[in-house]
N, C-alpha and C. Protein backbone atom coordinates (compact mmCIF):
# COMPACT_ATOMS: atom_id res chain seq x y z
N MET A 1 95.67 109.05 98.05
CA MET A 1 95.19 109.05 96.33
C MET A 1 94.66 110.28 96.59
N ASP A 2 95.25 111.14 95.38
CA ASP A 2 94.59 112.53 94.97
C ASP A 2 93.62 112.26 93.73
N ILE A 3 93.14 113.34 93.37
CA ILE A 3 92.14 113.34 92.84
C ILE A 3 92.58 112.80 90.88
N ASN A 4 93.96 113.12 90.73
CA ASN A 4 94.50 113.23 89.43
C ASN A 4 94.88 111.10 89.49
N ASN A 5 95.04 110.83 90.30
CA ASN A 5 95.07 109.34 90.32
C ASN A 5 94.13 108.62 90.40
N ALA A 6 93.11 109.27 91.04
CA ALA A 6 91.58 108.73 91.12
C ALA A 6 91.03 108.32 89.40
N LEU A 7 91.06 110.07 88.89
CA LEU A 7 91.02 110.26 87.58
C LEU A 7 91.18 108.97 86.33
N GLU A 8 92.85 109.10 86.79
CA GLU A 8 93.16 108.07 85.70
C GLU A 8 93.06 106.33 86.23
N ALA A 9 92.71 106.40 86.98
CA ALA A 9 92.41 104.87 87.62
C ALA A 9 90.90 104.74 86.86
N LEU A 10 90.07 105.56 87.17
CA LEU A 10 89.02 105.77 86.81
C LEU A 10 88.64 105.41 85.02
N ASP A 11 89.32 106.36 84.52
CA ASP A 11 89.74 106.35 83.46
C ASP A 11 89.94 105.15 82.49
N ALA A 12 90.94 104.25 83.45
CA ALA A 12 91.54 103.28 82.99
C ALA A 12 90.41 101.97 82.75
N ILE A 13 89.69 102.13 83.57
CA ILE A 13 88.47 100.79 83.57
C ILE A 13 87.19 101.15 83.26
N SER A 14 87.10 102.66 82.47
CA SER A 14 86.15 103.20 81.92
C SER A 14 85.71 102.48 80.67
N GLN A 15 86.68 101.72 79.81
CA GLN A 15 86.60 100.74 78.91
C GLN A 15 86.17 99.24 79.09
N SER A 16 85.22 98.82 78.23
CA SER A 16 84.93 97.44 78.82
C SER A 16 85.74 96.74 78.47
N THR A 17 86.64 96.50 77.75
CA THR A 17 87.59 95.24 77.87
C THR A 17 88.65 95.70 78.74
N ARG A 18 88.95 96.59 79.30
CA ARG A 18 90.18 96.92 80.37
C ARG A 18 89.10 96.86 81.75
N LEU A 19 88.00 96.79 81.70
CA LEU A 19 87.40 96.66 82.77
C LEU A 19 87.32 95.01 83.00
N ASP A 20 86.90 94.40 81.80
CA ASP A 20 87.07 92.80 81.73
C ASP A 20 88.42 92.27 82.22
N ILE A 21 89.45 92.47 81.93
CA ILE A 21 90.72 92.50 82.10
C ILE A 21 90.98 92.67 83.54
N PHE A 22 90.86 93.85 84.35
CA PHE A 22 90.92 94.35 85.60
C PHE A 22 89.88 93.22 86.41
N ARG A 23 88.52 92.82 86.40
CA ARG A 23 88.04 92.18 86.95
C ARG A 23 88.59 90.70 86.87
N LEU A 24 89.37 89.70 85.79
CA LEU A 24 89.76 88.97 85.19
C LEU A 24 90.86 88.91 86.38
N LEU A 25 91.53 89.85 86.63
CA LEU A 25 92.98 89.97 87.25
C LEU A 25 92.48 89.92 88.91
N ILE A 26 91.39 90.64 89.22
CA ILE A 26 90.98 90.73 90.50
C ILE A 26 90.64 88.95 91.12
N ARG A 27 89.81 88.31 89.96
CA ARG A 27 89.75 87.15 90.18
C ARG A 27 90.79 85.97 90.31
N ALA A 28 91.70 86.28 89.41
CA ALA A 28 92.81 85.55 89.60
C ALA A 28 93.76 85.40 90.94
N GLY A 29 93.28 86.62 91.56
CA GLY A 29 94.03 86.82 92.76
C GLY A 29 95.30 86.95 92.76
N GLU A 30 96.27 86.41 93.81
CA GLU A 30 97.84 86.79 93.81
C GLU A 30 98.70 85.82 92.64
N SER A 31 98.16 84.77 92.48
CA SER A 31 98.90 84.21 91.30
C SER A 31 99.05 84.83 90.13
N GLY A 32 97.71 85.79 90.02
CA GLY A 32 97.93 86.75 88.69
C GLY A 32 97.73 85.51 87.30
N LEU A 33 98.04 86.29 86.25
CA LEU A 33 97.85 85.66 84.86
C LEU A 33 98.84 86.19 83.79
N ALA A 34 99.13 85.24 83.03
CA ALA A 34 100.17 86.01 81.75
C ALA A 34 99.53 86.85 80.83
N ALA A 35 100.46 87.44 80.01
CA ALA A 35 99.36 88.14 79.17
C ALA A 35 98.76 87.44 77.98
N GLY A 36 99.33 86.15 77.91
CA GLY A 36 98.97 85.43 76.62
C GLY A 36 97.43 84.69 77.38
N GLU A 37 97.25 84.45 78.49
CA GLU A 37 96.44 83.70 79.29
C GLU A 37 95.16 85.10 79.22
N ILE A 38 95.69 86.07 79.38
CA ILE A 38 94.51 87.24 79.71
C ILE A 38 93.88 87.46 78.28
N ALA A 39 94.85 87.57 77.17
CA ALA A 39 94.16 87.36 75.94
C ALA A 39 93.34 86.45 75.33
N GLU A 40 93.76 85.35 75.83
CA GLU A 40 92.72 83.94 75.57
C GLU A 40 91.48 84.09 76.17
N ALA A 41 91.57 84.61 77.80
CA ALA A 41 90.40 84.59 78.00
C ALA A 41 89.19 85.72 77.91
N ILE A 42 90.07 86.83 77.44
CA ILE A 42 88.89 88.11 77.15
C ILE A 42 88.77 87.93 75.42
N ASP A 43 89.40 86.82 74.55
CA ASP A 43 89.03 86.60 73.37
C ASP A 43 89.47 87.94 72.78
N GLY A 44 90.89 88.40 72.92
CA GLY A 44 91.25 89.31 72.53
C GLY A 44 92.56 89.21 71.90
N ARG A 45 93.11 90.14 70.76
CA ARG A 45 94.62 90.22 70.01
C ARG A 45 95.57 90.43 70.89
N GLN A 46 96.68 89.68 71.01
CA GLN A 46 97.66 89.81 71.69
C GLN A 46 98.10 91.49 71.83
N ASN A 47 97.90 91.79 70.52
CA ASN A 47 98.91 93.66 70.51
C ASN A 47 97.54 94.02 71.16
N THR A 48 96.50 94.21 71.32
CA THR A 48 95.24 94.94 71.84
C THR A 48 95.14 94.79 73.10
N THR A 49 95.36 93.74 73.66
CA THR A 49 95.71 93.12 74.83
C THR A 49 96.61 94.09 75.79
N SER A 50 97.83 93.76 74.96
CA SER A 50 99.16 94.49 75.81
C SER A 50 98.83 95.83 75.82
N THR A 51 97.92 96.93 74.88
CA THR A 51 97.90 97.95 75.04
C THR A 51 97.11 98.37 76.36
N ASN A 52 95.85 97.46 76.43
CA ASN A 52 95.13 97.67 77.70
C ASN A 52 95.78 97.50 78.98
N LEU A 53 96.71 96.54 79.12
CA LEU A 53 97.45 96.01 79.90
C LEU A 53 98.06 96.91 80.47
N SER A 54 99.11 98.01 79.41
CA SER A 54 99.75 99.02 79.53
C SER A 54 98.95 100.21 80.24
N ILE A 55 98.03 100.41 80.01
CA ILE A 55 97.07 101.63 80.20
C ILE A 55 96.70 100.94 81.82
N LEU A 56 96.10 99.77 81.99
CA LEU A 56 95.66 99.63 83.23
C LEU A 56 97.10 99.66 84.17
N ALA A 57 98.16 99.46 83.86
CA ALA A 57 99.28 99.44 84.52
C ALA A 57 100.03 100.76 85.12
N ARG A 58 99.89 101.78 83.76
CA ARG A 58 99.95 103.00 83.74
C ARG A 58 99.45 103.51 85.09
N SER A 59 97.85 103.06 85.32
CA SER A 59 97.05 103.81 86.26
C SER A 59 97.47 103.16 87.90
N GLY A 60 97.98 102.42 87.82
CA GLY A 60 98.71 101.61 89.04
C GLY A 60 97.62 100.65 89.52
N LEU A 61 96.36 100.07 88.82
CA LEU A 61 95.56 99.45 89.57
C LEU A 61 96.22 97.79 89.08
N ILE A 62 97.13 97.65 87.86
CA ILE A 62 97.68 96.31 88.02
C ILE A 62 99.26 96.53 88.13
N GLY A 63 99.85 95.46 88.19
CA GLY A 63 101.33 95.49 88.02
C GLY A 63 101.90 94.06 87.38
N ALA A 64 103.33 94.31 86.64
CA ALA A 64 103.78 93.00 86.34
C ALA A 64 104.95 92.87 86.33
N GLU A 65 105.04 91.49 86.66
CA GLU A 65 106.36 90.85 86.96
C GLU A 65 106.62 89.62 86.01
N ARG A 66 107.80 89.92 85.57
CA ARG A 66 108.15 88.86 84.63
C ARG A 66 109.13 87.50 85.51
N ASP A 67 108.14 86.56 84.51
CA ASP A 67 108.53 85.36 85.08
C ASP A 67 109.28 84.41 84.02
N GLY A 68 110.67 84.35 83.74
CA GLY A 68 111.08 83.58 82.65
C GLY A 68 110.92 84.24 81.14
N ARG A 69 109.99 83.64 80.56
CA ARG A 69 109.61 84.20 78.98
C ARG A 69 108.06 85.39 79.30
N ASN A 70 107.53 85.02 80.21
CA ASN A 70 106.28 85.28 80.78
C ASN A 70 106.16 86.64 81.64
N VAL A 71 105.25 87.78 81.25
CA VAL A 71 105.50 88.69 82.23
C VAL A 71 103.70 88.52 83.07
N ILE A 72 103.68 88.17 84.06
CA ILE A 72 102.91 87.72 85.32
C ILE A 72 102.12 89.33 85.60
N TYR A 73 100.42 89.47 85.33
CA TYR A 73 99.88 90.79 85.36
C TYR A 73 98.87 90.43 86.55
N ARG A 74 99.03 91.02 87.61
CA ARG A 74 98.31 90.97 89.13
C ARG A 74 97.29 92.24 89.53
N ALA A 75 96.56 92.05 89.80
CA ALA A 75 95.78 93.42 90.55
C ALA A 75 96.42 93.90 91.78
N ASN A 76 96.54 95.15 91.77
CA ASN A 76 97.23 96.10 92.65
C ASN A 76 96.39 96.30 93.89
N HIS A 77 96.16 95.93 95.09
CA HIS A 77 94.80 95.79 95.65
C HIS A 77 95.30 97.01 96.60
N ALA A 78 96.52 97.61 96.76
CA ALA A 78 96.69 98.58 97.76
C ALA A 78 95.94 99.60 96.87
N VAL A 79 96.33 100.00 95.48
CA VAL A 79 95.96 100.77 94.82
C VAL A 79 94.57 100.65 94.67
N ILE A 80 93.75 99.67 94.73
CA ILE A 80 92.28 99.66 94.99
C ILE A 80 91.69 100.07 96.08
N ARG A 81 92.06 99.41 96.93
CA ARG A 81 91.99 100.04 98.55
C ARG A 81 91.92 101.70 98.24
N ASP A 82 92.95 102.27 98.08
CA ASP A 82 93.26 103.49 97.87
C ASP A 82 92.03 104.26 97.39
N LEU A 83 91.92 103.62 96.07
CA LEU A 83 90.65 104.20 95.12
C LEU A 83 89.38 104.33 95.76
N ILE A 84 89.08 103.25 96.44
CA ILE A 84 87.77 103.04 97.00
C ILE A 84 87.71 103.99 98.28
N ALA A 85 88.67 103.99 99.17
CA ALA A 85 88.43 105.00 100.27
C ALA A 85 88.41 106.52 100.04
N PHE A 86 89.43 106.80 98.67
CA PHE A 86 89.17 107.97 97.88
C PHE A 86 87.59 108.35 97.66
N LEU A 87 87.11 107.31 97.14
CA LEU A 87 85.64 107.36 96.60
C LEU A 87 84.80 107.71 97.76
N LEU A 88 84.93 106.81 98.94
CA LEU A 88 84.04 107.04 99.80
C LEU A 88 84.59 107.88 101.25
N GLU A 89 85.72 108.87 100.83
CA GLU A 89 86.28 109.33 102.00
C GLU A 89 85.42 110.61 102.87
N ASP A 90 84.23 110.52 101.70
CA ASP A 90 83.36 111.78 102.86
C ASP A 90 82.05 111.08 102.42
N CYS A 91 81.87 110.16 102.88
CA CYS A 91 80.61 109.70 102.62
C CYS A 91 79.38 109.85 103.46
N CYS A 92 78.33 109.91 103.20
CA CYS A 92 77.03 109.98 104.07
C CYS A 92 76.78 111.09 104.77
N GLY A 93 77.72 112.05 104.59
CA GLY A 93 77.48 113.70 105.51
C GLY A 93 77.26 113.47 106.82
N GLY A 94 78.15 112.73 107.25
CA GLY A 94 78.15 112.57 108.79
C GLY A 94 77.07 111.78 109.40
N GLN A 95 76.37 110.79 108.58
CA GLN A 95 75.51 109.96 108.88
C GLN A 95 75.98 108.43 108.45
N PRO A 96 76.96 107.91 109.42
CA PRO A 96 77.44 106.80 108.56
C PRO A 96 76.43 105.31 109.02
N GLU A 97 75.22 105.38 109.16
CA GLU A 97 74.44 104.27 109.27
C GLU A 97 73.75 104.28 107.46
N ILE A 98 74.03 105.18 106.92
CA ILE A 98 73.41 105.09 105.17
C ILE A 98 74.71 104.39 104.46
N CYS A 99 75.74 104.45 104.87
CA CYS A 99 76.96 103.87 104.22
C CYS A 99 77.06 102.19 105.04
N ALA A 100 76.86 101.98 106.08
CA ALA A 100 77.31 100.68 106.51
C ALA A 100 76.63 99.50 105.92
N PRO A 101 75.83 99.57 105.20
CA PRO A 101 75.51 98.08 104.27
C PRO A 101 76.53 97.95 103.41
N LEU A 102 76.91 99.52 102.81
CA LEU A 102 77.83 99.34 101.67
C LEU A 102 79.22 98.89 102.31
N LEU A 103 79.64 99.41 103.50
CA LEU A 103 80.83 99.02 103.74
C LEU A 103 81.10 97.82 104.38
N GLN A 104 80.16 97.41 105.35
CA GLN A 104 79.66 95.93 105.78
C GLN A 104 79.61 94.90 104.40
N SER A 105 79.41 95.29 103.07
CA SER A 105 79.65 94.38 101.86
C SER A 105 80.94 94.19 101.53
N LEU A 106 81.74 95.24 101.75
CA LEU A 106 83.17 95.87 101.52
C LEU A 106 83.80 94.67 102.33
N SER A 107 83.53 94.73 103.38
CA SER A 107 84.61 94.17 104.73
C SER A 107 84.42 92.57 104.81
N CYS A 108 83.06 92.03 103.98
CA CYS A 108 82.59 90.38 104.21
C CYS A 108 83.05 89.86 102.61
N LEU A 109 83.43 90.77 101.74
CA LEU A 109 83.76 89.74 100.63
C LEU A 109 84.74 88.55 100.60
N ASN A 110 84.25 87.41 100.33
CA ASN A 110 85.19 86.33 99.88
C ASN A 110 85.41 86.63 98.57
N THR A 111 86.97 86.73 98.58
CA THR A 111 87.27 87.06 97.25
C THR A 111 87.46 85.77 96.26
N THR A 112 87.65 84.45 96.83
CA THR A 112 87.14 83.14 96.37
C THR A 112 85.84 83.05 95.45
N SER A 113 84.90 83.21 96.41
CA SER A 113 83.53 82.86 95.54
C SER A 113 82.57 84.20 95.27
N GLY A 114 83.08 85.43 95.56
CA GLY A 114 82.35 86.50 95.67
C GLY A 114 81.35 86.83 96.50
N ALA A 115 81.05 85.82 97.28
CA ALA A 115 80.03 85.50 98.22
C ALA A 115 80.31 85.83 99.76
N CYS A 116 79.36 87.07 100.44
CA CYS A 116 79.03 87.60 101.75
C CYS A 116 79.94 86.31 102.74
N CYS A 117 80.92 86.26 103.46
CA CYS A 117 81.56 85.72 104.44
C CYS A 117 80.40 84.94 104.93
N ASP A 118 79.14 85.97 105.74
CA ASP A 118 78.20 85.44 106.58
C ASP A 118 77.28 84.74 105.58
N ALA A 119 77.21 84.62 104.55
CA ALA A 119 76.43 83.95 103.91
C ALA A 119 76.16 82.51 104.01
């Protein structure tokens, strides 16, 4: 990931509704959600939700796949990993013990419950 990709991704989630959608899709996991389900979950209008989904998709943070009459949206975990790696690339100025708690919390998250695996 380069700085322009990172800026586009961060810009995409810098608006509260888009951040809500992004987090909703993270929680939905591999099954993803249809656009209508997303609009309903965030109590949003279809056209506004569609615009926000387009912005998130252009950033690469989410992807879309047609399933019959529905478009299913899913979080793009590879891009999310790349963004986090880019942000932490030069972490801690050569003192890995400073970043260890952060890296541990990222590595042990249980995506179903959001709780740490060893908790």
